[in-house]
Amino acid sequence: MELPEDNQLPMLQDRLHDARVKLRIAYEQRDALVARADAPGGRKDAIDSALLIELAAAERSVREAEADMIDAQNAVSLAIEAVTRKP
């Protein structure tokens, strides 16, 4: 990964914030689907196939959001390191 310029730090911090928001939303959506699957009155051994597909998609969204956040965190860390290393 290439070291970012000094003036990119605010943009990278915004990117990190956006990644955190995206991750929070992905977790909330996944958790809502899990709650639907665990709803009282439903059979635990027979979850609707459409719900399983939605849960799989939600898990993929969570993994993608986690990867985006890690990438954004690394970019901010590199930018801060670049700024603090300058003579």
N, C-alpha and C. Protein backbone atom coordinates (compact mmCIF):
# COMPACT_ATOMS: atom_id res chain seq x y z
N MET A 1 0.86 -1.18 0.00
CA MET A 1 0.00 0.00 0.00
C MET A 1 0.89 1.23 0.00
N GLU A 2 0.55 2.15 -0.80
CA GLU A 2 1.31 3.39 -0.94
C GLU A 2 0.98 4.35 0.20
N LEU A 3 2.00 5.06 0.69
CA LEU A 3 1.75 6.03 1.75
C LEU A 3 0.93 7.20 1.21
N PRO A 4 -0.13 7.58 1.92
CA PRO A 4 -0.97 8.69 1.48
C PRO A 4 -0.32 10.05 1.75
N GLU A 5 -0.82 11.04 1.08
CA GLU A 5 -0.36 12.42 1.29
C GLU A 5 -0.95 12.96 2.58
N ASP A 6 -0.31 14.02 3.13
CA ASP A 6 -0.79 14.65 4.37
C ASP A 6 -2.25 15.10 4.26
N ASN A 7 -2.58 15.71 3.15
CA ASN A 7 -3.91 16.29 3.01
C ASN A 7 -5.00 15.24 2.80
N GLN A 8 -4.63 13.97 2.73
CA GLN A 8 -5.62 12.91 2.56
C GLN A 8 -6.18 12.42 3.89
N LEU A 9 -5.56 12.78 5.00
CA LEU A 9 -5.99 12.27 6.29
C LEU A 9 -7.47 12.54 6.59
N PRO A 10 -7.97 13.76 6.40
CA PRO A 10 -9.40 13.98 6.66
C PRO A 10 -10.30 13.10 5.78
N MET A 11 -9.93 12.94 4.53
CA MET A 11 -10.71 12.08 3.63
C MET A 11 -10.67 10.64 4.10
N LEU A 12 -9.52 10.18 4.54
CA LEU A 12 -9.38 8.81 5.02
C LEU A 12 -10.14 8.60 6.32
N GLN A 13 -10.17 9.61 7.17
CA GLN A 13 -10.96 9.51 8.41
C GLN A 13 -12.46 9.44 8.09
N ASP A 14 -12.89 10.20 7.09
CA ASP A 14 -14.29 10.12 6.65
C ASP A 14 -14.59 8.72 6.11
N ARG A 15 -13.65 8.19 5.36
CA ARG A 15 -13.82 6.83 4.82
C ARG A 15 -13.95 5.82 5.95
N LEU A 16 -13.14 5.97 6.99
CA LEU A 16 -13.22 5.07 8.14
C LEU A 16 -14.57 5.21 8.83
N HIS A 17 -15.02 6.42 9.01
CA HIS A 17 -16.34 6.65 9.62
C HIS A 17 -17.43 5.96 8.80
N ASP A 18 -17.39 6.16 7.49
CA ASP A 18 -18.39 5.54 6.61
C ASP A 18 -18.35 4.02 6.69
N ALA A 19 -17.14 3.46 6.78
CA ALA A 19 -16.99 2.01 6.88
C ALA A 19 -17.59 1.50 8.20
N ARG A 20 -17.39 2.27 9.28
CA ARG A 20 -17.97 1.87 10.57
C ARG A 20 -19.49 1.90 10.53
N VAL A 21 -20.04 2.92 9.89
CA VAL A 21 -21.50 3.02 9.75
C VAL A 21 -22.02 1.84 8.92
N LYS A 22 -21.35 1.56 7.83
CA LYS A 22 -21.75 0.44 6.96
C LYS A 22 -21.72 -0.88 7.74
N LEU A 23 -20.70 -1.06 8.56
CA LEU A 23 -20.59 -2.28 9.35
C LEU A 23 -21.71 -2.37 10.39
N ARG A 24 -21.99 -1.25 11.05
CA ARG A 24 -23.07 -1.25 12.05
C ARG A 24 -24.40 -1.62 11.40
N ILE A 25 -24.67 -1.06 10.23
CA ILE A 25 -25.92 -1.35 9.52
C ILE A 25 -25.96 -2.82 9.10
N ALA A 26 -24.85 -3.35 8.63
CA ALA A 26 -24.79 -4.76 8.23
C ALA A 26 -25.06 -5.67 9.42
N TYR A 27 -24.46 -5.33 10.59
CA TYR A 27 -24.72 -6.12 11.80
C TYR A 27 -26.20 -6.06 12.19
N GLU A 28 -26.78 -4.87 12.14
CA GLU A 28 -28.19 -4.71 12.51
C GLU A 28 -29.09 -5.51 11.59
N GLN A 29 -28.82 -5.47 10.29
CA GLN A 29 -29.64 -6.23 9.34
C GLN A 29 -29.51 -7.73 9.58
N ARG A 30 -28.27 -8.18 9.80
CA ARG A 30 -28.06 -9.60 10.07
C ARG A 30 -28.76 -10.01 11.36
N ASP A 31 -28.61 -9.20 12.40
CA ASP A 31 -29.22 -9.54 13.69
C ASP A 31 -30.74 -9.58 13.60
N ALA A 32 -31.33 -8.71 12.80
CA ALA A 32 -32.78 -8.72 12.61
C ALA A 32 -33.22 -10.02 11.94
N LEU A 33 -32.45 -10.49 10.98
CA LEU A 33 -32.78 -11.75 10.31
C LEU A 33 -32.62 -12.93 11.26
N VAL A 34 -31.60 -12.90 12.10
CA VAL A 34 -31.41 -13.96 13.08
C VAL A 34 -32.58 -13.97 14.06
N ALA A 35 -33.03 -12.81 14.46
CA ALA A 35 -34.18 -12.72 15.37
C ALA A 35 -35.43 -13.30 14.71
N ARG A 36 -35.59 -13.03 13.41
CA ARG A 36 -36.73 -13.62 12.69
C ARG A 36 -36.64 -15.14 12.67
N ALA A 37 -35.45 -15.66 12.49
CA ALA A 37 -35.25 -17.11 12.45
C ALA A 37 -35.51 -17.73 13.81
N ASP A 38 -35.20 -16.99 14.88
CA ASP A 38 -35.38 -17.49 16.25
C ASP A 38 -36.73 -17.12 16.85
N ALA A 39 -37.61 -16.56 16.04
CA ALA A 39 -38.90 -16.07 16.56
C ALA A 39 -39.68 -17.22 17.22
N PRO A 40 -40.34 -16.90 18.36
CA PRO A 40 -41.16 -17.93 19.02
C PRO A 40 -42.28 -18.39 18.10
N GLY A 41 -42.62 -19.65 18.25
CA GLY A 41 -43.71 -20.20 17.44
C GLY A 41 -43.23 -20.85 16.17
N GLY A 42 -42.04 -20.53 15.75
CA GLY A 42 -41.49 -21.15 14.55
C GLY A 42 -40.79 -22.45 14.89
N ARG A 43 -40.75 -23.35 13.96
CA ARG A 43 -40.05 -24.61 14.18
C ARG A 43 -38.56 -24.37 14.03
N LYS A 44 -37.79 -24.81 14.99
CA LYS A 44 -36.34 -24.59 14.97
C LYS A 44 -35.66 -25.47 13.92
N ASP A 45 -36.29 -26.57 13.54
CA ASP A 45 -35.66 -27.48 12.58
C ASP A 45 -36.01 -27.16 11.13
N ALA A 46 -36.89 -26.21 10.93
CA ALA A 46 -37.31 -25.88 9.56
C ALA A 46 -37.35 -24.37 9.37
N ILE A 47 -36.24 -23.82 8.90
CA ILE A 47 -36.19 -22.39 8.61
C ILE A 47 -36.48 -22.22 7.13
N ASP A 48 -37.28 -21.26 6.81
CA ASP A 48 -37.65 -20.96 5.43
C ASP A 48 -36.40 -20.78 4.57
N SER A 49 -36.39 -21.40 3.41
CA SER A 49 -35.22 -21.32 2.53
C SER A 49 -34.94 -19.88 2.09
N ALA A 50 -35.98 -19.08 1.92
CA ALA A 50 -35.77 -17.67 1.55
C ALA A 50 -35.05 -16.93 2.68
N LEU A 51 -35.39 -17.27 3.92
CA LEU A 51 -34.73 -16.64 5.06
C LEU A 51 -33.26 -17.07 5.13
N LEU A 52 -32.99 -18.33 4.81
CA LEU A 52 -31.60 -18.79 4.78
C LEU A 52 -30.79 -18.05 3.73
N ILE A 53 -31.39 -17.81 2.59
CA ILE A 53 -30.71 -17.05 1.53
C ILE A 53 -30.45 -15.62 2.00
N GLU A 54 -31.43 -15.01 2.66
CA GLU A 54 -31.24 -13.66 3.19
C GLU A 54 -30.15 -13.62 4.26
N LEU A 55 -30.12 -14.65 5.12
CA LEU A 55 -29.09 -14.72 6.16
C LEU A 55 -27.70 -14.86 5.54
N ALA A 56 -27.57 -15.68 4.50
CA ALA A 56 -26.28 -15.85 3.83
C ALA A 56 -25.83 -14.52 3.22
N ALA A 57 -26.75 -13.81 2.59
CA ALA A 57 -26.42 -12.52 1.99
C ALA A 57 -26.03 -11.51 3.08
N ALA A 58 -26.71 -11.54 4.20
CA ALA A 58 -26.40 -10.64 5.31
C ALA A 58 -25.01 -10.94 5.87
N GLU A 59 -24.66 -12.21 5.98
CA GLU A 59 -23.32 -12.59 6.45
C GLU A 59 -22.25 -12.10 5.48
N ARG A 60 -22.52 -12.22 4.19
CA ARG A 60 -21.56 -11.71 3.18
C ARG A 60 -21.40 -10.20 3.33
N SER A 61 -22.49 -9.51 3.56
CA SER A 61 -22.43 -8.05 3.75
C SER A 61 -21.60 -7.69 4.97
N VAL A 62 -21.76 -8.45 6.04
CA VAL A 62 -20.98 -8.20 7.25
C VAL A 62 -19.50 -8.41 6.96
N ARG A 63 -19.16 -9.51 6.30
CA ARG A 63 -17.74 -9.78 5.99
C ARG A 63 -17.15 -8.69 5.09
N GLU A 64 -17.91 -8.25 4.09
CA GLU A 64 -17.43 -7.19 3.21
C GLU A 64 -17.24 -5.88 3.98
N ALA A 65 -18.19 -5.57 4.85
CA ALA A 65 -18.10 -4.34 5.65
C ALA A 65 -16.92 -4.41 6.61
N GLU A 66 -16.67 -5.59 7.18
CA GLU A 66 -15.51 -5.75 8.07
C GLU A 66 -14.21 -5.53 7.29
N ALA A 67 -14.14 -6.08 6.09
CA ALA A 67 -12.93 -5.93 5.27
C ALA A 67 -12.73 -4.46 4.88
N ASP A 68 -13.82 -3.78 4.53
CA ASP A 68 -13.73 -2.35 4.20
C ASP A 68 -13.24 -1.54 5.40
N MET A 69 -13.73 -1.88 6.59
CA MET A 69 -13.33 -1.13 7.76
C MET A 69 -11.85 -1.38 8.08
N ILE A 70 -11.41 -2.60 7.97
CA ILE A 70 -10.00 -2.90 8.22
C ILE A 70 -9.11 -2.16 7.22
N ASP A 71 -9.52 -2.15 5.97
CA ASP A 71 -8.75 -1.43 4.95
C ASP A 71 -8.71 0.07 5.27
N ALA A 72 -9.83 0.62 5.68
CA ALA A 72 -9.89 2.05 6.03
C ALA A 72 -9.03 2.34 7.26
N GLN A 73 -9.05 1.45 8.26
CA GLN A 73 -8.22 1.63 9.45
C GLN A 73 -6.74 1.62 9.07
N ASN A 74 -6.37 0.70 8.20
CA ASN A 74 -4.97 0.62 7.77
C ASN A 74 -4.56 1.88 7.01
N ALA A 75 -5.44 2.40 6.17
CA ALA A 75 -5.13 3.62 5.42
C ALA A 75 -4.92 4.81 6.36
N VAL A 76 -5.77 4.92 7.37
CA VAL A 76 -5.63 6.02 8.34
C VAL A 76 -4.32 5.85 9.11
N SER A 77 -4.02 4.63 9.51
CA SER A 77 -2.76 4.38 10.24
C SER A 77 -1.55 4.77 9.41
N LEU A 78 -1.56 4.41 8.13
CA LEU A 78 -0.45 4.77 7.25
C LEU A 78 -0.34 6.28 7.09
N ALA A 79 -1.47 6.95 6.99
CA ALA A 79 -1.47 8.41 6.83
C ALA A 79 -0.90 9.08 8.08
N ILE A 80 -1.32 8.59 9.23
CA ILE A 80 -0.81 9.17 10.49
C ILE A 80 0.69 8.91 10.60
N GLU A 81 1.10 7.71 10.25
CA GLU A 81 2.53 7.37 10.30
C GLU A 81 3.32 8.27 9.36
N ALA A 82 2.80 8.51 8.17
CA ALA A 82 3.49 9.36 7.21
C ALA A 82 3.64 10.78 7.73
N VAL A 83 2.59 11.28 8.38
CA VAL A 83 2.63 12.64 8.93
C VAL A 83 3.62 12.74 10.08
N THR A 84 3.64 11.74 10.94
CA THR A 84 4.52 11.80 12.12
C THR A 84 5.99 11.53 11.77
N ARG A 85 6.25 10.91 10.65
CA ARG A 85 7.64 10.63 10.24
C ARG A 85 8.32 11.80 9.53
N LYS A 86 7.55 12.74 9.06
CA LYS A 86 8.14 13.85 8.32
C LYS A 86 9.07 14.66 9.20
N PRO A 87 10.23 15.05 8.65
CA PRO A 87 11.20 15.83 9.44
C PRO A 87 10.74 17.25 9.68
